[in-house]
Amino acid sequence: MALSLPLRKEPAARLRADRDKLTTRRPDLVSQLDAEKATASSLTDDLHTALISGNVSRSEIAAKEARLADAERRVSGLTSALAALDIKIVEAQSALDELLASEAAEQAVADLSRGRQEYAAKLNAFLDAAAEFLPAVAKLGEHAFVARELAGLARSIGVEVPIAARRLEGELDYIADMIKRERPAQFVKVDRAA
């Protein structure tokens, strides 16, 4: 008999589920709070009417005050519970946003890394071709001015391109580090849908 393990949710899916569960709970608390406020208002009106009429005994007044106090305590409790729930919803959304930004940054850095690998392969091929091109064009340079210009260009490519490539590597390292730390919008696109 094979053991069946529950599938682990992706972190973003788990955070969305947590946020949605909290968000789903909110309307019920708001409804309870509204009902308790209506009850407290009704009990307040009832107590005022009893006090104004003067035809109600002290024990009935005390009972009405006790019911009103209970309703006001429930309103207070529900209000604080709703505030705590709102804080948890904001925290859950913030955690989800942070995770999505982090995942987007990781993806941007991975894309940059793939681009760097492709660039390095093409650069090496380009420099190899320039190195092979130089002797061939140098032979022609003995007879043609343009060939001498091309030979000079091939020599400068062999010198200038590696210098520029090292500068580019430094810039790419900086960009990857910046993406990881700061997640700038120009590099990291976060899909906050759902």
C-alpha atoms as a PDB file:
ATOM      1  CA  MET A   1       0.000   0.000   0.000  1.00  0.00           C
ATOM      2  CA  ALA A   2       1.484   3.308  -1.080  1.00  0.00           C
ATOM      3  CA  LEU A   3       1.498   6.191   1.309  1.00  0.00           C
ATOM      4  CA  SER A   4      -0.284   9.278   0.086  1.00  0.00           C
ATOM      5  CA  LEU A   5       1.280  12.510   1.235  1.00  0.00           C
ATOM      6  CA  PRO A   6      -0.633  15.766   0.981  1.00  0.00           C
ATOM      7  CA  LEU A   7       0.643  18.065  -1.716  1.00  0.00           C
ATOM      8  CA  ARG A   8       2.478  21.094  -0.393  1.00  0.00           C
ATOM      9  CA  LYS A   9       1.066  24.371  -1.531  1.00  0.00           C
ATOM     10  CA  GLU A  10       3.332  26.844  -3.204  1.00  0.00           C
ATOM     11  CA  PRO A  11       4.201  29.660  -0.784  1.00  0.00           C
ATOM     12  CA  ALA A  12       2.291  32.270  -2.794  1.00  0.00           C
ATOM     13  CA  ALA A  13      -0.785  30.030  -2.988  1.00  0.00           C
ATOM     14  CA  ARG A  14      -0.609  29.421   0.761  1.00  0.00           C
ATOM     15  CA  LEU A  15      -0.289  33.149   1.492  1.00  0.00           C
ATOM     16  CA  ARG A  16      -3.184  33.936  -0.868  1.00  0.00           C
ATOM     17  CA  ALA A  17      -5.297  31.279   0.852  1.00  0.00           C
ATOM     18  CA  ASP A  18      -4.439  32.717   4.290  1.00  0.00           C
ATOM     19  CA  ARG A  19      -5.282  36.255   3.134  1.00  0.00           C
ATOM     20  CA  ASP A  20      -8.510  35.101   1.469  1.00  0.00           C
ATOM     21  CA  LYS A  21      -9.583  33.176   4.572  1.00  0.00           C
ATOM     22  CA  LEU A  22      -9.117  36.298   6.674  1.00  0.00           C
ATOM     23  CA  THR A  23     -10.841  38.484   4.095  1.00  0.00           C
ATOM     24  CA  THR A  24     -13.771  36.062   3.910  1.00  0.00           C
ATOM     25  CA  ARG A  25     -14.190  36.255   7.687  1.00  0.00           C
ATOM     26  CA  ARG A  26     -14.433  40.068   7.659  1.00  0.00           C
ATOM     27  CA  PRO A  27     -18.026  40.484   6.331  1.00  0.00           C
ATOM     28  CA  ASP A  28     -19.342  38.158   9.052  1.00  0.00           C
ATOM     29  CA  LEU A  29     -17.660  40.240  11.761  1.00  0.00           C
ATOM     30  CA  VAL A  30     -18.942  43.469  10.192  1.00  0.00           C
ATOM     31  CA  SER A  31     -22.455  41.999  10.117  1.00  0.00           C
ATOM     32  CA  GLN A  32     -22.226  40.949  13.775  1.00  0.00           C
ATOM     33  CA  LEU A  33     -20.902  44.386  14.712  1.00  0.00           C
ATOM     34  CA  ASP A  34     -23.709  46.139  12.840  1.00  0.00           C
ATOM     35  CA  ALA A  35     -26.291  43.936  14.553  1.00  0.00           C
ATOM     36  CA  GLU A  36     -24.799  44.630  17.985  1.00  0.00           C
ATOM     37  CA  LYS A  37     -24.691  48.388  17.290  1.00  0.00           C
ATOM     38  CA  ALA A  38     -28.366  48.271  16.311  1.00  0.00           C
ATOM     39  CA  THR A  39     -29.151  46.310  19.482  1.00  0.00           C
ATOM     40  CA  ALA A  40     -27.193  48.799  21.629  1.00  0.00           C
ATOM     41  CA  SER A  41     -28.962  51.714  19.950  1.00  0.00           C
ATOM     42  CA  SER A  42     -32.339  50.106  20.527  1.00  0.00           C
ATOM     43  CA  LEU A  43     -31.489  49.347  24.172  1.00  0.00           C
ATOM     44  CA  THR A  44     -30.284  52.947  24.640  1.00  0.00           C
ATOM     45  CA  ASP A  45     -33.559  54.284  23.250  1.00  0.00           C
ATOM     46  CA  ASP A  46     -35.514  51.865  25.457  1.00  0.00           C
ATOM     47  CA  LEU A  47     -33.551  52.963  28.559  1.00  0.00           C
ATOM     48  CA  HIS A  48     -34.066  56.659  27.714  1.00  0.00           C
ATOM     49  CA  THR A  49     -37.795  56.113  27.226  1.00  0.00           C
ATOM     50  CA  ALA A  50     -38.022  54.283  30.559  1.00  0.00           C
ATOM     51  CA  LEU A  51     -36.093  57.002  32.382  1.00  0.00           C
ATOM     52  CA  ILE A  52     -38.125  59.809  30.812  1.00  0.00           C
ATOM     53  CA  SER A  53     -41.478  58.154  31.528  1.00  0.00           C
ATOM     54  CA  GLY A  54     -40.711  57.674  35.207  1.00  0.00           C
ATOM     55  CA  ASN A  55     -43.152  54.709  35.351  1.00  0.00           C
ATOM     56  CA  VAL A  56     -40.407  52.058  35.546  1.00  0.00           C
ATOM     57  CA  SER A  57     -39.021  50.581  38.752  1.00  0.00           C
ATOM     58  CA  ARG A  58     -35.375  50.831  39.757  1.00  0.00           C
ATOM     59  CA  SER A  59     -34.869  47.105  39.236  1.00  0.00           C
ATOM     60  CA  GLU A  60     -36.230  47.360  35.670  1.00  0.00           C
ATOM     61  CA  ILE A  61     -33.915  50.333  35.010  1.00  0.00           C
ATOM     62  CA  ALA A  62     -30.970  48.342  36.415  1.00  0.00           C
ATOM     63  CA  ALA A  63     -31.885  45.380  34.168  1.00  0.00           C
ATOM     64  CA  LYS A  64     -32.103  47.661  31.107  1.00  0.00           C
ATOM     65  CA  GLU A  65     -28.736  49.236  32.014  1.00  0.00           C
ATOM     66  CA  ALA A  66     -27.161  45.773  32.407  1.00  0.00           C
ATOM     67  CA  ARG A  67     -28.474  44.662  28.982  1.00  0.00           C
ATOM     68  CA  LEU A  68     -27.172  47.916  27.454  1.00  0.00           C
ATOM     69  CA  ALA A  69     -23.759  47.453  29.122  1.00  0.00           C
ATOM     70  CA  ASP A  70     -23.563  43.885  27.753  1.00  0.00           C
ATOM     71  CA  ALA A  71     -24.433  45.103  24.260  1.00  0.00           C
ATOM     72  CA  GLU A  72     -21.835  47.881  24.483  1.00  0.00           C
ATOM     73  CA  ARG A  73     -19.183  45.364  25.628  1.00  0.00           C
ATOM     74  CA  ARG A  74     -20.026  43.156  22.633  1.00  0.00           C
ATOM     75  CA  VAL A  75     -19.770  46.197  20.319  1.00  0.00           C
ATOM     76  CA  SER A  76     -16.400  47.054  21.853  1.00  0.00           C
ATOM     77  CA  GLY A  77     -15.173  43.452  21.569  1.00  0.00           C
ATOM     78  CA  LEU A  78     -16.325  43.121  17.962  1.00  0.00           C
ATOM     79  CA  THR A  79     -14.790  46.489  17.084  1.00  0.00           C
ATOM     80  CA  SER A  80     -11.410  45.457  18.463  1.00  0.00           C
ATOM     81  CA  ALA A  81     -11.688  42.026  16.813  1.00  0.00           C
ATOM     82  CA  LEU A  82     -12.449  43.698  13.491  1.00  0.00           C
ATOM     83  CA  ALA A  83      -9.455  46.027  13.909  1.00  0.00           C
ATOM     84  CA  ALA A  84      -7.217  43.045  14.723  1.00  0.00           C
ATOM     85  CA  LEU A  85      -8.566  41.184  11.680  1.00  0.00           C
ATOM     86  CA  ASP A  86      -7.870  44.203   9.453  1.00  0.00           C
ATOM     87  CA  ILE A  87      -4.284  44.281  10.737  1.00  0.00           C
ATOM     88  CA  LYS A  88      -3.903  40.566   9.978  1.00  0.00           C
ATOM     89  CA  ILE A  89      -5.307  41.086   6.464  1.00  0.00           C
ATOM     90  CA  VAL A  90      -2.821  43.905   5.822  1.00  0.00           C
ATOM     91  CA  GLU A  91       0.028  41.775   7.203  1.00  0.00           C
ATOM     92  CA  ALA A  92      -1.017  38.814   5.042  1.00  0.00           C
ATOM     93  CA  GLN A  93      -1.207  41.038   1.950  1.00  0.00           C
ATOM     94  CA  SER A  94       2.191  42.546   2.769  1.00  0.00           C
ATOM     95  CA  ALA A  95       3.718  39.084   3.165  1.00  0.00           C
ATOM     96  CA  LEU A  96       2.204  38.043  -0.172  1.00  0.00           C
ATOM     97  CA  ASP A  97       3.447  41.221  -1.876  1.00  0.00           C
ATOM     98  CA  GLU A  98       6.939  40.679  -0.438  1.00  0.00           C
ATOM     99  CA  LEU A  99       6.982  37.067  -1.617  1.00  0.00           C
ATOM    100  CA  LEU A 100       5.780  38.020  -5.106  1.00  0.00           C
ATOM    101  CA  ALA A 101       8.389  40.776  -5.339  1.00  0.00           C
ATOM    102  CA  SER A 102      11.068  38.370  -4.152  1.00  0.00           C
ATOM    103  CA  GLU A 103      10.020  35.731  -6.691  1.00  0.00           C
ATOM    104  CA  ALA A 104       9.913  38.341  -9.452  1.00  0.00           C
ATOM    105  CA  ALA A 105      13.394  39.537  -8.459  1.00  0.00           C
ATOM    106  CA  GLU A 106      14.707  35.966  -8.504  1.00  0.00           C
ATOM    107  CA  GLN A 107      13.184  35.484 -11.956  1.00  0.00           C
ATOM    108  CA  ALA A 108      14.707  38.750 -13.200  1.00  0.00           C
ATOM    109  CA  VAL A 109      18.140  37.712 -11.902  1.00  0.00           C
ATOM    110  CA  ALA A 110      17.753  34.260 -13.499  1.00  0.00           C
ATOM    111  CA  ASP A 111      16.792  35.890 -16.818  1.00  0.00           C
ATOM    112  CA  LEU A 112      19.798  38.171 -16.540  1.00  0.00           C
ATOM    113  CA  SER A 113      22.048  35.193 -15.831  1.00  0.00           C
ATOM    114  CA  ARG A 114      20.751  33.333 -18.889  1.00  0.00           C
ATOM    115  CA  GLY A 115      21.345  36.449 -20.967  1.00  0.00           C
ATOM    116  CA  ARG A 116      24.881  36.686 -19.607  1.00  0.00           C
ATOM    117  CA  GLN A 117      25.627  33.093 -20.564  1.00  0.00           C
ATOM    118  CA  GLU A 118      24.358  33.638 -24.080  1.00  0.00           C
ATOM    119  CA  TYR A 119      26.295  36.892 -24.312  1.00  0.00           C
ATOM    120  CA  ALA A 120      29.530  35.223 -23.090  1.00  0.00           C
ATOM    121  CA  ALA A 121      29.238  32.471 -25.687  1.00  0.00           C
ATOM    122  CA  LYS A 122      28.596  34.980 -28.491  1.00  0.00           C
ATOM    123  CA  LEU A 123      31.414  37.241 -27.281  1.00  0.00           C
ATOM    124  CA  ASN A 124      33.905  34.370 -27.266  1.00  0.00           C
ATOM    125  CA  ALA A 125      32.836  33.364 -30.775  1.00  0.00           C
ATOM    126  CA  PHE A 126      33.128  36.988 -31.909  1.00  0.00           C
ATOM    127  CA  LEU A 127      36.627  37.401 -30.445  1.00  0.00           C
ATOM    128  CA  ASP A 128      37.746  34.065 -31.935  1.00  0.00           C
ATOM    129  CA  ALA A 129      36.420  35.158 -35.331  1.00  0.00           C
ATOM    130  CA  ALA A 130      38.186  38.516 -35.026  1.00  0.00           C
ATOM    131  CA  ALA A 131      41.443  36.740 -34.125  1.00  0.00           C
ATOM    132  CA  GLU A 132      41.098  34.452 -37.158  1.00  0.00           C
ATOM    133  CA  PHE A 133      40.107  37.366 -39.365  1.00  0.00           C
ATOM    134  CA  LEU A 134      43.183  39.454 -38.496  1.00  0.00           C
ATOM    135  CA  PRO A 135      45.856  37.335 -40.270  1.00  0.00           C
ATOM    136  CA  ALA A 136      43.709  36.925 -43.364  1.00  0.00           C
ATOM    137  CA  VAL A 137      42.987  40.618 -43.730  1.00  0.00           C
ATOM    138  CA  ALA A 138      46.575  41.554 -42.803  1.00  0.00           C
ATOM    139  CA  LYS A 139      47.816  39.677 -45.896  1.00  0.00           C
ATOM    140  CA  LEU A 140      45.470  41.728 -48.046  1.00  0.00           C
ATOM    141  CA  GLY A 141      46.580  44.877 -46.276  1.00  0.00           C
ATOM    142  CA  GLU A 142      49.892  44.694 -48.101  1.00  0.00           C
ATOM    143  CA  HIS A 143      47.999  45.638 -51.272  1.00  0.00           C
ATOM    144  CA  ALA A 144      44.751  47.387 -50.228  1.00  0.00           C
ATOM    145  CA  PHE A 145      44.155  50.389 -48.006  1.00  0.00           C
ATOM    146  CA  VAL A 146      40.717  49.223 -46.847  1.00  0.00           C
ATOM    147  CA  ALA A 147      42.223  45.880 -45.814  1.00  0.00           C
ATOM    148  CA  ARG A 148      44.726  47.764 -43.630  1.00  0.00           C
ATOM    149  CA  GLU A 149      41.805  49.633 -42.041  1.00  0.00           C
ATOM    150  CA  LEU A 150      40.015  46.332 -41.405  1.00  0.00           C
ATOM    151  CA  ALA A 151      43.182  44.850 -39.900  1.00  0.00           C
ATOM    152  CA  GLY A 152      43.420  47.853 -37.562  1.00  0.00           C
ATOM    153  CA  LEU A 153      39.777  47.412 -36.647  1.00  0.00           C
ATOM    154  CA  ALA A 154      40.307  43.699 -35.938  1.00  0.00           C
ATOM    155  CA  ARG A 155      43.303  44.535 -33.700  1.00  0.00           C
ATOM    156  CA  SER A 156      41.303  47.160 -31.805  1.00  0.00           C
ATOM    157  CA  ILE A 157      38.435  44.693 -31.398  1.00  0.00           C
ATOM    158  CA  GLY A 158      40.879  42.272 -29.790  1.00  0.00           C
ATOM    159  CA  VAL A 159      41.880  44.981 -27.302  1.00  0.00           C
ATOM    160  CA  GLU A 160      38.807  47.181 -26.792  1.00  0.00           C
ATOM    161  CA  VAL A 161      36.050  44.557 -26.695  1.00  0.00           C
ATOM    162  CA  PRO A 162      37.543  42.594 -23.755  1.00  0.00           C
ATOM    163  CA  ILE A 163      37.908  45.870 -21.806  1.00  0.00           C
ATOM    164  CA  ALA A 164      34.294  46.787 -22.536  1.00  0.00           C
ATOM    165  CA  ALA A 165      33.230  43.212 -21.706  1.00  0.00           C
ATOM    166  CA  ARG A 166      34.855  43.460 -18.254  1.00  0.00           C
ATOM    167  CA  ARG A 167      33.039  46.765 -17.650  1.00  0.00           C
ATOM    168  CA  LEU A 168      29.789  45.155 -18.772  1.00  0.00           C
ATOM    169  CA  GLU A 169      30.344  42.225 -16.387  1.00  0.00           C
ATOM    170  CA  GLY A 170      30.780  44.688 -13.523  1.00  0.00           C
ATOM    171  CA  GLU A 171      27.620  46.522 -14.505  1.00  0.00           C
ATOM    172  CA  LEU A 172      25.674  43.262 -14.778  1.00  0.00           C
ATOM    173  CA  ASP A 173      26.905  42.229 -11.307  1.00  0.00           C
ATOM    174  CA  TYR A 174      25.713  45.589  -9.970  1.00  0.00           C
ATOM    175  CA  ILE A 175      22.319  45.260 -11.673  1.00  0.00           C
ATOM    176  CA  ALA A 176      21.817  41.709 -10.326  1.00  0.00           C
ATOM    177  CA  ASP A 177      22.705  42.878  -6.815  1.00  0.00           C
ATOM    178  CA  MET A 178      20.386  45.884  -7.123  1.00  0.00           C
ATOM    179  CA  ILE A 179      17.538  43.656  -8.303  1.00  0.00           C
ATOM    180  CA  LYS A 180      18.020  41.337  -5.324  1.00  0.00           C
ATOM    181  CA  ARG A 181      18.182  44.192  -2.796  1.00  0.00           C
ATOM    182  CA  GLU A 182      15.925  46.928  -4.126  1.00  0.00           C
ATOM    183  CA  ARG A 183      13.653  45.244  -6.666  1.00  0.00           C
ATOM    184  CA  PRO A 184      13.299  48.310  -8.900  1.00  0.00           C
ATOM    185  CA  ALA A 185      10.164  48.402 -11.020  1.00  0.00           C
ATOM    186  CA  GLN A 186      12.150  48.749 -14.251  1.00  0.00           C
ATOM    187  CA  PHE A 187      13.560  45.225 -13.753  1.00  0.00           C
ATOM    188  CA  VAL A 188      10.987  43.485 -11.555  1.00  0.00           C
ATOM    189  CA  LYS A 189       7.400  43.202 -12.764  1.00  0.00           C
ATOM    190  CA  VAL A 190       5.143  41.879  -9.986  1.00  0.00           C
ATOM    191  CA  ASP A 191       1.816  40.335 -10.876  1.00  0.00           C
ATOM    192  CA  ARG A 192      -0.395  40.999  -7.852  1.00  0.00           C
ATOM    193  CA  ALA A 193      -3.490  39.510  -9.478  1.00  0.00           C
ATOM    194  CA  ALA A 194      -5.519  37.057  -7.419  1.00  0.00           C
END
